[in-house]
């Protein structure tokens, strides 16, 4: 009976050694996909104004172990004010740790790249008059 239990333990450990890395990889890929979907939903919600229709493209690069995700927004054919307004609106709505890169062409056809690392402000203490 004890020999049977030892063999069952060996089989279980072998099964976990073979399938464990696959399960961990599956969970990491699922986390990455849900994060990308969440970021895409936030971006599309913020960019749904009619005056931006057809003027932007979105690229989302998932984060690695050492850094957060990067969102790239291409705004070609927009005015300077529209580029800055969109950058400020997105940087305040994205979660902390997300890098936002906005590419655009200014009025004199000069390319510009704005890079912002989003952060959340610390919570105000009770009784604060912010």
C-alpha atoms as a PDB file:
ATOM      1  CA  UNK A   1       0.000   0.000   0.000  1.00  0.00           C
ATOM      2  CA  UNK A   2       2.812   2.419   0.840  1.00  0.00           C
ATOM      3  CA  UNK A   3       4.514   1.629  -2.476  1.00  0.00           C
ATOM      4  CA  UNK A   4       1.300   2.611  -4.261  1.00  0.00           C
ATOM      5  CA  UNK A   5       1.181   5.936  -2.399  1.00  0.00           C
ATOM      6  CA  UNK A   6       4.821   6.641  -3.261  1.00  0.00           C
ATOM      7  CA  UNK A   7       4.147   5.950  -6.957  1.00  0.00           C
ATOM      8  CA  UNK A   8       1.054   8.139  -6.902  1.00  0.00           C
ATOM      9  CA  UNK A   9       3.070  10.979  -5.329  1.00  0.00           C
ATOM     10  CA  UNK A  10       5.768  10.577  -7.979  1.00  0.00           C
ATOM     11  CA  UNK A  11       3.199  10.656 -10.771  1.00  0.00           C
ATOM     12  CA  UNK A  12       1.561  13.742  -9.283  1.00  0.00           C
ATOM     13  CA  UNK A  13       4.888  15.558  -8.961  1.00  0.00           C
ATOM     14  CA  UNK A  14       5.810  14.637 -12.534  1.00  0.00           C
ATOM     15  CA  UNK A  15       2.462  15.834 -13.821  1.00  0.00           C
ATOM     16  CA  UNK A  16       2.861  19.154 -11.992  1.00  0.00           C
ATOM     17  CA  UNK A  17       6.426  19.548 -13.259  1.00  0.00           C
ATOM     18  CA  UNK A  18       5.252  19.121 -16.855  1.00  0.00           C
ATOM     19  CA  UNK A  19       2.036  21.132 -16.730  1.00  0.00           C
ATOM     20  CA  UNK A  20       3.006  23.763 -14.123  1.00  0.00           C
ATOM     21  CA  UNK A  21       4.955  26.048 -16.484  1.00  0.00           C
ATOM     22  CA  UNK A  22       2.155  25.833 -19.059  1.00  0.00           C
ATOM     23  CA  UNK A  23      -0.441  26.853 -16.479  1.00  0.00           C
ATOM     24  CA  UNK A  24       1.702  29.789 -15.306  1.00  0.00           C
ATOM     25  CA  UNK A  25       2.211  30.915 -18.920  1.00  0.00           C
ATOM     26  CA  UNK A  26      -1.527  30.658 -19.562  1.00  0.00           C
ATOM     27  CA  UNK A  27      -2.308  32.852 -16.517  1.00  0.00           C
ATOM     28  CA  UNK A  28       0.293  35.452 -17.568  1.00  0.00           C
ATOM     29  CA  UNK A  29      -1.098  35.626 -21.103  1.00  0.00           C
ATOM     30  CA  UNK A  30      -4.637  35.931 -19.756  1.00  0.00           C
ATOM     31  CA  UNK A  31      -3.565  38.810 -17.489  1.00  0.00           C
ATOM     32  CA  UNK A  32      -1.856  40.564 -20.405  1.00  0.00           C
ATOM     33  CA  UNK A  33      -4.907  40.209 -22.639  1.00  0.00           C
ATOM     34  CA  UNK A  34      -7.285  41.529 -19.991  1.00  0.00           C
ATOM     35  CA  UNK A  35      -4.991  44.500 -19.302  1.00  0.00           C
ATOM     36  CA  UNK A  36      -4.801  45.283 -23.014  1.00  0.00           C
ATOM     37  CA  UNK A  37      -8.583  45.042 -23.347  1.00  0.00           C
ATOM     38  CA  UNK A  38      -9.075  47.340 -20.362  1.00  0.00           C
ATOM     39  CA  UNK A  39      -6.680  49.949 -21.786  1.00  0.00           C
ATOM     40  CA  UNK A  40      -8.339  49.772 -25.175  1.00  0.00           C
ATOM     41  CA  UNK A  41     -11.749  50.373 -23.589  1.00  0.00           C
ATOM     42  CA  UNK A  42     -10.466  53.420 -21.692  1.00  0.00           C
ATOM     43  CA  UNK A  43      -8.861  54.850 -24.834  1.00  0.00           C
ATOM     44  CA  UNK A  44     -11.894  54.366 -27.037  1.00  0.00           C
ATOM     45  CA  UNK A  45     -14.125  55.898 -24.370  1.00  0.00           C
ATOM     46  CA  UNK A  46     -11.930  59.008 -24.187  1.00  0.00           C
ATOM     47  CA  UNK A  47     -11.518  59.341 -27.977  1.00  0.00           C
ATOM     48  CA  UNK A  48     -15.156  59.035 -29.023  1.00  0.00           C
ATOM     49  CA  UNK A  49     -15.638  62.712 -29.850  1.00  0.00           C
ATOM     50  CA  UNK A  50     -16.856  63.361 -33.418  1.00  0.00           C
ATOM     51  CA  UNK A  51     -14.030  65.781 -34.234  1.00  0.00           C
ATOM     52  CA  UNK A  52     -11.428  63.010 -33.742  1.00  0.00           C
ATOM     53  CA  UNK A  53     -13.215  60.459 -35.895  1.00  0.00           C
ATOM     54  CA  UNK A  54     -10.781  58.957 -38.385  1.00  0.00           C
ATOM     55  CA  UNK A  55      -7.803  61.032 -37.192  1.00  0.00           C
ATOM     56  CA  UNK A  56      -6.150  58.625 -34.770  1.00  0.00           C
ATOM     57  CA  UNK A  57      -4.713  55.163 -34.490  1.00  0.00           C
ATOM     58  CA  UNK A  58      -3.963  53.256 -31.301  1.00  0.00           C
ATOM     59  CA  UNK A  59      -1.137  50.883 -30.474  1.00  0.00           C
ATOM     60  CA  UNK A  60      -0.889  49.060 -27.139  1.00  0.00           C
ATOM     61  CA  UNK A  61       2.309  47.258 -26.153  1.00  0.00           C
ATOM     62  CA  UNK A  62       1.855  45.113 -23.045  1.00  0.00           C
ATOM     63  CA  UNK A  63       4.091  45.608 -20.060  1.00  0.00           C
ATOM     64  CA  UNK A  64       7.035  43.421 -19.225  1.00  0.00           C
ATOM     65  CA  UNK A  65       8.277  42.273 -15.839  1.00  0.00           C
ATOM     66  CA  UNK A  66      10.271  45.500 -15.490  1.00  0.00           C
ATOM     67  CA  UNK A  67       7.872  48.127 -16.788  1.00  0.00           C
ATOM     68  CA  UNK A  68       4.246  48.915 -17.403  1.00  0.00           C
ATOM     69  CA  UNK A  69       2.386  48.902 -20.691  1.00  0.00           C
ATOM     70  CA  UNK A  70       2.924  51.540 -23.364  1.00  0.00           C
ATOM     71  CA  UNK A  71       0.050  53.166 -25.230  1.00  0.00           C
ATOM     72  CA  UNK A  72       0.917  54.831 -28.537  1.00  0.00           C
ATOM     73  CA  UNK A  73      -1.568  57.243 -30.045  1.00  0.00           C
ATOM     74  CA  UNK A  74      -1.021  58.698 -33.503  1.00  0.00           C
ATOM     75  CA  UNK A  75      -2.872  61.985 -34.048  1.00  0.00           C
ATOM     76  CA  UNK A  76      -2.098  63.177 -37.575  1.00  0.00           C
ATOM     77  CA  UNK A  77      -3.830  66.220 -38.976  1.00  0.00           C
ATOM     78  CA  UNK A  78      -4.850  67.676 -35.603  1.00  0.00           C
ATOM     79  CA  UNK A  79      -4.159  71.151 -34.312  1.00  0.00           C
ATOM     80  CA  UNK A  80      -1.659  71.868 -31.548  1.00  0.00           C
ATOM     81  CA  UNK A  81      -4.456  72.514 -29.077  1.00  0.00           C
ATOM     82  CA  UNK A  82      -6.192  69.236 -29.944  1.00  0.00           C
ATOM     83  CA  UNK A  83      -2.960  67.248 -29.446  1.00  0.00           C
ATOM     84  CA  UNK A  84      -2.313  68.810 -26.025  1.00  0.00           C
ATOM     85  CA  UNK A  85      -5.943  68.536 -24.948  1.00  0.00           C
ATOM     86  CA  UNK A  86      -6.076  64.868 -25.895  1.00  0.00           C
ATOM     87  CA  UNK A  87      -2.744  64.153 -24.181  1.00  0.00           C
ATOM     88  CA  UNK A  88      -3.889  65.765 -20.941  1.00  0.00           C
ATOM     89  CA  UNK A  89      -7.269  64.022 -21.003  1.00  0.00           C
ATOM     90  CA  UNK A  90      -5.748  60.591 -21.624  1.00  0.00           C
ATOM     91  CA  UNK A  91      -2.947  60.975 -19.089  1.00  0.00           C
ATOM     92  CA  UNK A  92      -5.491  61.722 -16.365  1.00  0.00           C
ATOM     93  CA  UNK A  93      -7.756  58.793 -17.268  1.00  0.00           C
ATOM     94  CA  UNK A  94      -5.183  56.015 -17.731  1.00  0.00           C
ATOM     95  CA  UNK A  95      -4.117  53.889 -14.749  1.00  0.00           C
ATOM     96  CA  UNK A  96      -0.827  54.663 -13.049  1.00  0.00           C
ATOM     97  CA  UNK A  97       2.304  53.138 -14.504  1.00  0.00           C
ATOM     98  CA  UNK A  98       1.127  53.343 -18.118  1.00  0.00           C
ATOM     99  CA  UNK A  99       3.401  55.180 -20.527  1.00  0.00           C
ATOM    100  CA  UNK A 100       1.506  57.318 -23.034  1.00  0.00           C
ATOM    101  CA  UNK A 101       3.217  58.310 -26.285  1.00  0.00           C
ATOM    102  CA  UNK A 102       1.340  60.713 -28.550  1.00  0.00           C
ATOM    103  CA  UNK A 103       2.669  61.243 -32.069  1.00  0.00           C
ATOM    104  CA  UNK A 104       1.325  64.024 -34.239  1.00  0.00           C
ATOM    105  CA  UNK A 105       2.081  66.617 -36.833  1.00  0.00           C
ATOM    106  CA  UNK A 106       1.959  70.197 -35.730  1.00  0.00           C
ATOM    107  CA  UNK A 107       0.549  72.953 -37.926  1.00  0.00           C
ATOM    108  CA  UNK A 108       3.703  73.473 -39.992  1.00  0.00           C
ATOM    109  CA  UNK A 109       4.017  69.730 -40.676  1.00  0.00           C
ATOM    110  CA  UNK A 110       6.620  69.295 -37.964  1.00  0.00           C
ATOM    111  CA  UNK A 111       6.407  65.902 -36.321  1.00  0.00           C
ATOM    112  CA  UNK A 112       6.116  65.889 -32.558  1.00  0.00           C
ATOM    113  CA  UNK A 113       6.234  63.114 -29.985  1.00  0.00           C
ATOM    114  CA  UNK A 114       4.899  63.643 -26.478  1.00  0.00           C
ATOM    115  CA  UNK A 115       5.702  60.991 -23.888  1.00  0.00           C
ATOM    116  CA  UNK A 116       3.962  60.940 -20.504  1.00  0.00           C
ATOM    117  CA  UNK A 117       4.264  58.463 -17.637  1.00  0.00           C
ATOM    118  CA  UNK A 118       0.934  58.413 -15.829  1.00  0.00           C
ATOM    119  CA  UNK A 119       0.738  58.589 -12.054  1.00  0.00           C
ATOM    120  CA  UNK A 120      -2.081  58.855  -9.604  1.00  0.00           C
ATOM    121  CA  UNK A 121      -2.004  61.543  -6.954  1.00  0.00           C
ATOM    122  CA  UNK A 122      -1.912  60.404  -3.363  1.00  0.00           C
ATOM    123  CA  UNK A 123      -5.261  60.389  -1.607  1.00  0.00           C
ATOM    124  CA  UNK A 124      -6.057  63.541   0.317  1.00  0.00           C
ATOM    125  CA  UNK A 125      -6.215  63.177   4.085  1.00  0.00           C
ATOM    126  CA  UNK A 126      -9.506  63.707   5.866  1.00  0.00           C
ATOM    127  CA  UNK A 127     -10.402  67.370   6.198  1.00  0.00           C
ATOM    128  CA  UNK A 128      -8.265  68.434   3.225  1.00  0.00           C
ATOM    129  CA  UNK A 129      -9.572  71.357   1.179  1.00  0.00           C
ATOM    130  CA  UNK A 130      -7.974  70.535  -2.153  1.00  0.00           C
END
